[in-house]
Amino acid sequence: SGTAPCYHHQAVDAVPAELRVTARSADGTIQ
């Protein structure tokens, strides 16, 4: 787990087949 500074109002939604999600926030936001 970790914490880090952030500054964004957009986020990744659909993920292409070439990539995989390897971190998320508790609210589901892809990190």
PDB file of all heavy atoms in Angstrom:
ATOM      1  N   SER A   1       0.840  -1.197   0.000  1.00  0.00           N
ATOM      2  CA  SER A   1       0.000   0.000   0.000  1.00  0.00           C
ATOM      3  C   SER A   1       0.870   1.240   0.000  1.00  0.00           C
ATOM      4  O   SER A   1       2.089   1.169   0.240  1.00  0.00           O
ATOM      5  CB  SER A   1      -0.935   0.014   1.215  1.00  0.00           C
ATOM      6  OG  SER A   1      -0.188   0.089   2.417  1.00  0.00           O
ATOM      7  N   GLY A   2       0.247   2.382  -0.260  1.00  0.00           N
ATOM      8  CA  GLY A   2       1.008   3.623  -0.262  1.00  0.00           C
ATOM      9  C   GLY A   2       0.112   4.837  -0.318  1.00  0.00           C
ATOM     10  O   GLY A   2      -1.104   4.732  -0.510  1.00  0.00           O
ATOM     11  N   THR A   3       0.707   5.991  -0.142  1.00  0.00           N
ATOM     12  CA  THR A   3       0.037   7.272  -0.313  1.00  0.00           C
ATOM     13  C   THR A   3       0.960   8.167  -1.129  1.00  0.00           C
ATOM     14  O   THR A   3       2.192   8.010  -1.087  1.00  0.00           O
ATOM     15  CB  THR A   3      -0.273   7.957   1.032  1.00  0.00           C
ATOM     16  OG1 THR A   3       0.952   8.178   1.744  1.00  0.00           O
ATOM     17  CG2 THR A   3      -1.215   7.106   1.872  1.00  0.00           C
ATOM     18  N   ALA A   4       0.371   9.100  -1.868  1.00  0.00           N
ATOM     19  CA  ALA A   4       1.177   9.981  -2.704  1.00  0.00           C
ATOM     20  C   ALA A   4       0.386  11.236  -3.034  1.00  0.00           C
ATOM     21  O   ALA A   4      -0.849  11.219  -3.036  1.00  0.00           O
ATOM     22  CB  ALA A   4       1.583   9.267  -3.999  1.00  0.00           C
ATOM     23  N   PRO A   5       1.079  12.343  -3.334  1.00  0.00           N
ATOM     24  CA  PRO A   5       0.385  13.548  -3.760  1.00  0.00           C
ATOM     25  C   PRO A   5      -0.358  13.293  -5.078  1.00  0.00           C
ATOM     26  O   PRO A   5       0.085  12.495  -5.912  1.00  0.00           O
ATOM     27  CB  PRO A   5       1.521  14.566  -3.964  1.00  0.00           C
ATOM     28  CG  PRO A   5       2.654  14.037  -3.139  1.00  0.00           C
ATOM     29  CD  PRO A   5       2.529  12.558  -3.217  1.00  0.00           C
ATOM     30  N   CYS A   6      -1.483  13.968  -5.264  1.00  0.00           N
ATOM     31  CA  CYS A   6      -2.234  13.803  -6.508  1.00  0.00           C
ATOM     32  C   CYS A   6      -2.892  15.129  -6.879  1.00  0.00           C
ATOM     33  O   CYS A   6      -3.113  15.998  -6.035  1.00  0.00           O
ATOM     34  CB  CYS A   6      -3.291  12.701  -6.370  1.00  0.00           C
ATOM     35  SG  CYS A   6      -4.588  13.056  -5.151  1.00  0.00           S
ATOM     36  N   TYR A   7      -3.204  15.256  -8.159  1.00  0.00           N
ATOM     37  CA  TYR A   7      -3.889  16.459  -8.642  1.00  0.00           C
ATOM     38  C   TYR A   7      -4.524  16.128  -9.982  1.00  0.00           C
ATOM     39  O   TYR A   7      -3.889  16.217 -11.033  1.00  0.00           O
ATOM     40  CB  TYR A   7      -2.898  17.624  -8.792  1.00  0.00           C
ATOM     41  CG  TYR A   7      -3.567  18.957  -9.064  1.00  0.00           C
ATOM     42  CD1 TYR A   7      -4.133  19.691  -8.019  1.00  0.00           C
ATOM     43  CD2 TYR A   7      -3.639  19.471 -10.350  1.00  0.00           C
ATOM     44  CE1 TYR A   7      -4.752  20.915  -8.255  1.00  0.00           C
ATOM     45  CE2 TYR A   7      -4.257  20.690 -10.602  1.00  0.00           C
ATOM     46  CZ  TYR A   7      -4.809  21.415  -9.550  1.00  0.00           C
ATOM     47  OH  TYR A   7      -5.430  22.610  -9.793  1.00  0.00           O
ATOM     48  N   HIS A   8      -5.781  15.678  -9.966  1.00  0.00           N
ATOM     49  CA  HIS A   8      -6.453  15.301 -11.205  1.00  0.00           C
ATOM     50  C   HIS A   8      -7.963  15.277 -10.987  1.00  0.00           C
ATOM     51  O   HIS A   8      -8.434  15.031  -9.879  1.00  0.00           O
ATOM     52  CB  HIS A   8      -5.966  13.926 -11.678  1.00  0.00           C
ATOM     53  CG  HIS A   8      -6.264  12.811 -10.713  1.00  0.00           C
ATOM     54  ND1 HIS A   8      -7.325  11.944 -10.877  1.00  0.00           N
ATOM     55  CD2 HIS A   8      -5.657  12.416  -9.563  1.00  0.00           C
ATOM     56  CE1 HIS A   8      -7.343  11.072  -9.884  1.00  0.00           C
ATOM     57  NE2 HIS A   8      -6.344  11.336  -9.066  1.00  0.00           N
ATOM     58  N   HIS A   9      -8.702  15.552 -12.065  1.00  0.00           N
ATOM     59  CA  HIS A   9     -10.164  15.432 -11.998  1.00  0.00           C
ATOM     60  C   HIS A   9     -10.650  14.354 -12.960  1.00  0.00           C
ATOM     61  O   HIS A   9     -11.847  14.094 -13.047  1.00  0.00           O
ATOM     62  CB  HIS A   9     -10.833  16.782 -12.286  1.00  0.00           C
ATOM     63  CG  HIS A   9     -10.863  17.163 -13.736  1.00  0.00           C
ATOM     64  ND1 HIS A   9     -12.032  17.211 -14.470  1.00  0.00           N
ATOM     65  CD2 HIS A   9      -9.855  17.505 -14.584  1.00  0.00           C
ATOM     66  CE1 HIS A   9     -11.755  17.581 -15.713  1.00  0.00           C
ATOM     67  NE2 HIS A   9     -10.449  17.767 -15.806  1.00  0.00           N
ATOM     68  N   GLN A  10      -9.715  13.739 -13.701  1.00  0.00           N
ATOM     69  CA  GLN A  10     -10.040  12.638 -14.600  1.00  0.00           C
ATOM     70  C   GLN A  10      -9.309  11.381 -14.136  1.00  0.00           C
ATOM     71  O   GLN A  10      -8.413  11.442 -13.286  1.00  0.00           O
ATOM     72  CB  GLN A  10      -9.651  12.981 -16.037  1.00  0.00           C
ATOM     73  CG  GLN A  10     -10.356  14.223 -16.564  1.00  0.00           C
ATOM     74  CD  GLN A  10     -10.260  14.379 -18.060  1.00  0.00           C
ATOM     75  OE1 GLN A  10      -9.369  13.850 -18.709  1.00  0.00           O
ATOM     76  NE2 GLN A  10     -11.198  15.114 -18.637  1.00  0.00           N
ATOM     77  N   ALA A  11      -9.698  10.237 -14.697  1.00  0.00           N
ATOM     78  CA  ALA A  11      -9.067   8.978 -14.318  1.00  0.00           C
ATOM     79  C   ALA A  11      -9.279   7.952 -15.416  1.00  0.00           C
ATOM     80  O   ALA A  11     -10.158   8.110 -16.277  1.00  0.00           O
ATOM     81  CB  ALA A  11      -9.654   8.460 -13.000  1.00  0.00           C
ATOM     82  N   VAL A  12      -8.477   6.903 -15.390  1.00  0.00           N
ATOM     83  CA  VAL A  12      -8.627   5.814 -16.353  1.00  0.00           C
ATOM     84  C   VAL A  12      -9.940   5.097 -16.095  1.00  0.00           C
ATOM     85  O   VAL A  12     -10.308   4.818 -14.951  1.00  0.00           O
ATOM     86  CB  VAL A  12      -7.444   4.833 -16.243  1.00  0.00           C
ATOM     87  CG1 VAL A  12      -7.687   3.595 -17.119  1.00  0.00           C
ATOM     88  CG2 VAL A  12      -6.138   5.530 -16.619  1.00  0.00           C
ATOM     89  N   ASP A  13     -10.651   4.783 -17.178  1.00  0.00           N
ATOM     90  CA  ASP A  13     -11.908   4.043 -17.089  1.00  0.00           C
ATOM     91  C   ASP A  13     -11.689   2.649 -17.683  1.00  0.00           C
ATOM     92  O   ASP A  13     -11.201   1.759 -17.003  1.00  0.00           O
ATOM     93  CB  ASP A  13     -13.013   4.811 -17.807  1.00  0.00           C
ATOM     94  CG  ASP A  13     -14.394   4.196 -17.604  1.00  0.00           C
ATOM     95  OD1 ASP A  13     -14.529   3.312 -16.730  1.00  0.00           O
ATOM     96  OD2 ASP A  13     -15.329   4.596 -18.317  1.00  0.00           O
ATOM     97  N   ALA A  14     -12.018   2.461 -18.966  1.00  0.00           N
ATOM     98  CA  ALA A  14     -11.781   1.169 -19.615  1.00  0.00           C
ATOM     99  C   ALA A  14     -10.282   0.979 -19.843  1.00  0.00           C
ATOM    100  O   ALA A  14      -9.590   1.888 -20.319  1.00  0.00           O
ATOM    101  CB  ALA A  14     -12.529   1.104 -20.950  1.00  0.00           C
ATOM    102  N   VAL A  15      -9.769  -0.188 -19.489  1.00  0.00           N
ATOM    103  CA  VAL A  15      -8.335  -0.485 -19.590  1.00  0.00           C
ATOM    104  C   VAL A  15      -8.085  -1.382 -20.802  1.00  0.00           C
ATOM    105  O   VAL A  15      -8.737  -2.421 -20.948  1.00  0.00           O
ATOM    106  CB  VAL A  15      -7.835  -1.190 -18.309  1.00  0.00           C
ATOM    107  CG1 VAL A  15      -6.353  -1.530 -18.419  1.00  0.00           C
ATOM    108  CG2 VAL A  15      -8.087  -0.302 -17.098  1.00  0.00           C
ATOM    109  N   PRO A  16      -7.156  -1.021 -21.681  1.00  0.00           N
ATOM    110  CA  PRO A  16      -6.875  -1.844 -22.856  1.00  0.00           C
ATOM    111  C   PRO A  16      -6.257  -3.187 -22.479  1.00  0.00           C
ATOM    112  O   PRO A  16      -5.679  -3.333 -21.398  1.00  0.00           O
ATOM    113  CB  PRO A  16      -5.906  -0.990 -23.668  1.00  0.00           C
ATOM    114  CG  PRO A  16      -5.277  -0.077 -22.676  1.00  0.00           C
ATOM    115  CD  PRO A  16      -6.327   0.195 -21.646  1.00  0.00           C
ATOM    116  N   ALA A  17      -6.368  -4.157 -23.393  1.00  0.00           N
ATOM    117  CA  ALA A  17      -5.912  -5.517 -23.112  1.00  0.00           C
ATOM    118  C   ALA A  17      -4.418  -5.593 -22.840  1.00  0.00           C
ATOM    119  O   ALA A  17      -3.961  -6.499 -22.138  1.00  0.00           O
ATOM    120  CB  ALA A  17      -6.278  -6.427 -24.287  1.00  0.00           C
ATOM    121  N   GLU A  18      -3.641  -4.641 -23.372  1.00  0.00           N
ATOM    122  CA  GLU A  18      -2.187  -4.676 -23.202  1.00  0.00           C
ATOM    123  C   GLU A  18      -1.741  -4.269 -21.801  1.00  0.00           C
ATOM    124  O   GLU A  18      -0.570  -4.426 -21.452  1.00  0.00           O
ATOM    125  CB  GLU A  18      -1.513  -3.743 -24.220  1.00  0.00           C
ATOM    126  CG  GLU A  18      -1.698  -4.155 -25.666  1.00  0.00           C
ATOM    127  CD  GLU A  18      -2.931  -3.527 -26.296  1.00  0.00           C
ATOM    128  OE1 GLU A  18      -3.856  -3.102 -25.540  1.00  0.00           O
ATOM    129  OE2 GLU A  18      -2.971  -3.445 -27.543  1.00  0.00           O
ATOM    130  N   LEU A  19      -2.663  -3.709 -21.008  1.00  0.00           N
ATOM    131  CA  LEU A  19      -2.328  -3.215 -19.680  1.00  0.00           C
ATOM    132  C   LEU A  19      -3.137  -3.930 -18.609  1.00  0.00           C
ATOM    133  O   LEU A  19      -4.194  -4.488 -18.885  1.00  0.00           O
ATOM    134  CB  LEU A  19      -2.596  -1.714 -19.592  1.00  0.00           C
ATOM    135  CG  LEU A  19      -1.870  -0.810 -20.588  1.00  0.00           C
ATOM    136  CD1 LEU A  19      -2.382   0.623 -20.466  1.00  0.00           C
ATOM    137  CD2 LEU A  19      -0.364  -0.867 -20.389  1.00  0.00           C
ATOM    138  N   ARG A  20      -2.623  -3.880 -17.369  1.00  0.00           N
ATOM    139  CA  ARG A  20      -3.372  -4.413 -16.239  1.00  0.00           C
ATOM    140  C   ARG A  20      -3.312  -3.418 -15.088  1.00  0.00           C
ATOM    141  O   ARG A  20      -2.330  -2.671 -14.928  1.00  0.00           O
ATOM    142  CB  ARG A  20      -2.825  -5.769 -15.800  1.00  0.00           C
ATOM    143  CG  ARG A  20      -1.391  -5.753 -15.278  1.00  0.00           C
ATOM    144  CD  ARG A  20      -0.871  -7.176 -15.086  1.00  0.00           C
ATOM    145  NE  ARG A  20       0.492  -7.192 -14.564  1.00  0.00           N
ATOM    146  CZ  ARG A  20       0.816  -7.480 -13.311  1.00  0.00           C
ATOM    147  NH1 ARG A  20      -0.146  -7.792 -12.448  1.00  0.00           N
ATOM    148  NH2 ARG A  20       2.069  -7.489 -12.909  1.00  0.00           N
ATOM    149  N   VAL A  21      -4.368  -3.399 -14.308  1.00  0.00           N
ATOM    150  CA  VAL A  21      -4.445  -2.513 -13.150  1.00  0.00           C
ATOM    151  C   VAL A  21      -3.666  -3.149 -12.004  1.00  0.00           C
ATOM    152  O   VAL A  21      -3.879  -4.310 -11.663  1.00  0.00           O
ATOM    153  CB  VAL A  21      -5.907  -2.297 -12.722  1.00  0.00           C
ATOM    154  CG1 VAL A  21      -5.970  -1.426 -11.464  1.00  0.00           C
ATOM    155  CG2 VAL A  21      -6.702  -1.652 -13.855  1.00  0.00           C
ATOM    156  N   THR A  22      -2.743  -2.370 -11.418  1.00  0.00           N
ATOM    157  CA  THR A  22      -1.928  -2.913 -10.323  1.00  0.00           C
ATOM    158  C   THR A  22      -2.031  -2.098  -9.031  1.00  0.00           C
ATOM    159  O   THR A  22      -1.380  -2.429  -8.052  1.00  0.00           O
ATOM    160  CB  THR A  22      -0.459  -3.034 -10.742  1.00  0.00           C
ATOM    161  OG1 THR A  22       0.025  -1.750 -11.165  1.00  0.00           O
ATOM    162  CG2 THR A  22      -0.301  -4.045 -11.876  1.00  0.00           C
ATOM    163  N   ALA A  23      -2.841  -1.059  -9.027  1.00  0.00           N
ATOM    164  CA  ALA A  23      -3.106  -0.330  -7.780  1.00  0.00           C
ATOM    165  C   ALA A  23      -4.426   0.415  -7.915  1.00  0.00           C
ATOM    166  O   ALA A  23      -4.739   0.951  -8.986  1.00  0.00           O
ATOM    167  CB  ALA A  23      -1.983   0.653  -7.453  1.00  0.00           C
ATOM    168  N   ARG A  24      -5.201   0.420  -6.830  1.00  0.00           N
ATOM    169  CA  ARG A  24      -6.475   1.142  -6.778  1.00  0.00           C
ATOM    170  C   ARG A  24      -6.635   1.802  -5.417  1.00  0.00           C
ATOM    171  O   ARG A  24      -6.120   1.325  -4.416  1.00  0.00           O
ATOM    172  CB  ARG A  24      -7.662   0.198  -6.974  1.00  0.00           C
ATOM    173  CG  ARG A  24      -7.889  -0.318  -8.375  1.00  0.00           C
ATOM    174  CD  ARG A  24      -9.155  -1.158  -8.426  1.00  0.00           C
ATOM    175  NE  ARG A  24      -9.353  -1.824  -9.694  1.00  0.00           N
ATOM    176  CZ  ARG A  24     -10.022  -1.321 -10.726  1.00  0.00           C
ATOM    177  NH1 ARG A  24     -10.569  -0.114 -10.592  1.00  0.00           N
ATOM    178  NH2 ARG A  24     -10.153  -1.988 -11.839  1.00  0.00           N
ATOM    179  N   SER A  25      -7.404   2.878  -5.407  1.00  0.00           N
ATOM    180  CA  SER A  25      -7.838   3.476  -4.154  1.00  0.00           C
ATOM    181  C   SER A  25      -9.072   2.717  -3.667  1.00  0.00           C
ATOM    182  O   SER A  25      -9.694   1.969  -4.419  1.00  0.00           O
ATOM    183  CB  SER A  25      -8.180   4.954  -4.354  1.00  0.00           C
ATOM    184  OG  SER A  25      -7.017   5.693  -4.645  1.00  0.00           O
ATOM    185  N   ALA A  26      -9.446   2.950  -2.419  1.00  0.00           N
ATOM    186  CA  ALA A  26     -10.594   2.257  -1.843  1.00  0.00           C
ATOM    187  C   ALA A  26     -11.885   2.560  -2.602  1.00  0.00           C
ATOM    188  O   ALA A  26     -12.805   1.738  -2.625  1.00  0.00           O
ATOM    189  CB  ALA A  26     -10.740   2.637  -0.375  1.00  0.00           C
ATOM    190  N   ASP A  27     -11.970   3.734  -3.253  1.00  0.00           N
ATOM    191  CA  ASP A  27     -13.173   4.090  -4.004  1.00  0.00           C
ATOM    192  C   ASP A  27     -13.184   3.508  -5.405  1.00  0.00           C
ATOM    193  O   ASP A  27     -14.094   3.780  -6.191  1.00  0.00           O
ATOM    194  CB  ASP A  27     -13.353   5.603  -4.055  1.00  0.00           C
ATOM    195  CG  ASP A  27     -12.229   6.325  -4.805  1.00  0.00           C
ATOM    196  OD1 ASP A  27     -11.351   5.647  -5.381  1.00  0.00           O
ATOM    197  OD2 ASP A  27     -12.229   7.575  -4.817  1.00  0.00           O
ATOM    198  N   GLY A  28     -12.163   2.720  -5.737  1.00  0.00           N
ATOM    199  CA  GLY A  28     -12.099   2.078  -7.043  1.00  0.00           C
ATOM    200  C   GLY A  28     -11.275   2.816  -8.078  1.00  0.00           C
ATOM    201  O   GLY A  28     -11.027   2.276  -9.167  1.00  0.00           O
ATOM    202  N   THR A  29     -10.853   4.032  -7.791  1.00  0.00           N
ATOM    203  CA  THR A  29     -10.053   4.797  -8.752  1.00  0.00           C
ATOM    204  C   THR A  29      -8.760   4.062  -9.072  1.00  0.00           C
ATOM    205  O   THR A  29      -8.023   3.651  -8.175  1.00  0.00           O
ATOM    206  CB  THR A  29      -9.717   6.193  -8.197  1.00  0.00           C
ATOM    207  OG1 THR A  29     -10.928   6.898  -7.941  1.00  0.00           O
ATOM    208  CG2 THR A  29      -8.872   6.991  -9.187  1.00  0.00           C
ATOM    209  N   ILE A  30      -8.491   3.899 -10.363  1.00  0.00           N
ATOM    210  CA  ILE A  30      -7.262   3.228 -10.804  1.00  0.00           C
ATOM    211  C   ILE A  30      -6.071   4.137 -10.522  1.00  0.00           C
ATOM    212  O   ILE A  30      -6.034   5.285 -10.976  1.00  0.00           O
ATOM    213  CB  ILE A  30      -7.342   2.882 -12.298  1.00  0.00           C
ATOM    214  CG1 ILE A  30      -8.425   1.822 -12.526  1.00  0.00           C
ATOM    215  CG2 ILE A  30      -5.992   2.394 -12.819  1.00  0.00           C
ATOM    216  CD1 ILE A  30      -8.722   1.535 -13.989  1.00  0.00           C
ATOM    217  N   GLN A  31      -5.090   3.626  -9.788  1.00  0.00           N
ATOM    218  CA  GLN A  31      -3.920   4.414  -9.420  1.00  0.00           C
ATOM    219  C   GLN A  31      -2.639   3.960 -10.112  1.00  0.00           C
ATOM    220  O   GLN A  31      -1.656   4.694 -10.132  1.00  0.00           O
ATOM    221  CB  GLN A  31      -3.721   4.379  -7.905  1.00  0.00           C
ATOM    222  CG  GLN A  31      -4.821   5.054  -7.117  1.00  0.00           C
ATOM    223  CD  GLN A  31      -4.852   6.560  -7.292  1.00  0.00           C
ATOM    224  OE1 GLN A  31      -3.939   7.159  -7.851  1.00  0.00           O
ATOM    225  NE2 GLN A  31      -5.911   7.191  -6.826  1.00  0.00           N
TER     226      GLN A  31
END
